[in-house]
Amino acid sequence: MVQTSTGEIVERLLGDKQVLIQAAPGGGTRKIEAGTFPVRACLSDAQIHALVALGADVEARYEMPLDIEWVIDASGQIFLLQARPLRPSFPSGWRSML
């Protein structure tokens, strides 16, 4: 969770990561079972801060909260895939959650 007013990362919850689905050389995917890779955060602090900035920029441009979809490529570059209006079922304070 990020405090958007300060940019401080106030909470980080790691998933259990029982299975990793990864792109396979030559196409397709491969499944890697738990125990073959270390438990660690998927996003670095820098990536979290970049995503918070991206979300703030998109929200400012459209002057409303949006549900954004993004991807990070192998080099670490972040791409915005799409942005759409939030559905009413999203919890309040959604911008603070990453």
Protein backbone atom coordinates (compact mmCIF):
# COMPACT_ATOMS: atom_id res chain seq x y z
CA MET A 1 0.00 0.00 0.00
CA VAL A 2 1.27 3.45 -0.86
CA GLN A 3 0.31 6.68 0.87
CA THR A 4 -0.31 8.66 -2.30
CA SER A 5 0.03 12.06 -0.61
CA THR A 6 3.62 11.31 0.48
CA GLY A 7 4.67 8.47 -1.84
CA GLU A 8 5.62 6.37 1.19
CA ILE A 9 5.24 2.61 0.83
CA VAL A 10 3.42 1.80 4.07
CA GLU A 11 2.64 -1.88 3.54
CA ARG A 12 3.81 -4.66 1.25
CA LEU A 13 1.96 -7.98 1.15
CA LEU A 14 3.63 -10.88 -0.61
CA GLY A 15 1.49 -13.54 -2.25
CA ASP A 16 2.19 -17.20 -1.56
CA LYS A 17 3.59 -17.71 -5.08
CA GLN A 18 2.88 -21.46 -5.21
CA VAL A 19 3.17 -21.52 -9.01
CA LEU A 20 4.91 -19.24 -11.49
CA ILE A 21 3.76 -19.17 -15.12
CA GLN A 22 6.63 -17.94 -17.27
CA ALA A 23 7.14 -17.43 -21.00
CA ALA A 24 8.98 -20.38 -22.52
CA PRO A 25 11.79 -20.01 -25.04
CA GLY A 26 10.35 -20.53 -28.50
CA GLY A 27 6.78 -19.68 -27.43
CA GLY A 28 4.16 -20.88 -25.02
CA THR A 29 4.52 -20.96 -21.26
CA ARG A 30 6.10 -23.10 -18.60
CA LYS A 31 4.91 -23.79 -15.06
CA ILE A 32 7.41 -23.57 -12.20
CA GLU A 33 6.33 -25.08 -8.87
CA ALA A 34 6.92 -23.44 -5.47
CA GLY A 35 10.30 -24.06 -3.93
CA THR A 36 12.25 -23.55 -7.14
CA PHE A 37 12.36 -19.77 -6.85
CA PRO A 38 12.83 -17.45 -3.85
CA VAL A 39 9.88 -15.71 -2.18
CA ARG A 40 10.38 -12.02 -2.87
CA ALA A 41 8.41 -8.96 -3.89
CA CYS A 42 7.43 -8.85 -7.55
CA LEU A 43 7.88 -5.08 -7.74
CA SER A 44 10.82 -2.98 -6.61
CA ASP A 45 10.26 0.23 -4.66
CA ALA A 46 11.20 2.17 -7.81
CA GLN A 47 8.61 0.29 -9.87
CA ILE A 48 5.94 0.92 -7.23
CA HIS A 49 6.73 4.64 -7.23
CA ALA A 50 6.65 4.70 -11.06
CA LEU A 51 3.24 2.98 -11.05
CA VAL A 52 1.87 5.44 -8.49
CA ALA A 53 3.07 8.30 -10.72
CA LEU A 54 1.52 6.66 -13.78
CA GLY A 55 -1.80 6.27 -11.99
CA ALA A 56 -1.74 9.89 -10.81
CA ASP A 57 -0.92 11.10 -14.34
CA VAL A 58 -3.73 9.10 -15.92
CA GLU A 59 -6.20 10.25 -13.27
CA ALA A 60 -5.16 13.90 -13.75
CA ARG A 61 -5.50 13.67 -17.54
CA TYR A 62 -9.02 12.26 -17.38
CA GLU A 63 -10.01 14.12 -14.20
CA MET A 64 -11.49 10.98 -12.63
CA PRO A 65 -10.32 7.77 -11.01
CA LEU A 66 -9.69 5.04 -13.57
CA ASP A 67 -8.93 1.34 -13.53
CA ILE A 68 -5.60 1.05 -15.32
CA GLU A 69 -3.94 -2.00 -16.79
CA TRP A 70 -0.17 -2.01 -17.14
CA VAL A 71 2.72 -4.31 -17.90
CA ILE A 72 6.45 -4.26 -17.18
CA ASP A 73 8.69 -5.72 -19.89
CA ALA A 74 11.88 -7.73 -19.36
CA SER A 75 13.97 -4.54 -19.35
CA GLY A 76 11.82 -3.05 -16.56
CA GLN A 77 10.02 -0.48 -18.73
CA ILE A 78 6.39 0.16 -17.74
CA PHE A 79 3.67 0.38 -20.39
CA LEU A 80 0.09 1.54 -19.92
CA LEU A 81 -2.17 -0.93 -21.75
CA GLN A 82 -5.58 0.58 -21.10
CA ALA A 83 -7.57 2.77 -18.76
CA ARG A 84 -11.31 2.59 -18.14
CA PRO A 85 -13.79 4.10 -15.69
CA LEU A 86 -13.99 2.37 -12.34
CA ARG A 87 -16.91 0.07 -11.65
CA PRO A 88 -18.83 0.92 -8.48
CA SER A 89 -17.63 -2.31 -6.83
CA PHE A 90 -14.07 -1.05 -6.32
CA PRO A 91 -13.25 -0.21 -2.69
CA SER A 92 -12.72 3.36 -1.64
CA GLY A 93 -9.06 4.26 -1.34
CA TRP A 94 -8.17 2.10 -4.37
CA ARG A 95 -5.40 4.46 -5.44
CA SER A 96 -3.46 3.62 -2.32
CA MET A 97 -3.34 -0.09 -3.10
CA LEU A 98 -0.60 -1.68 -5.21
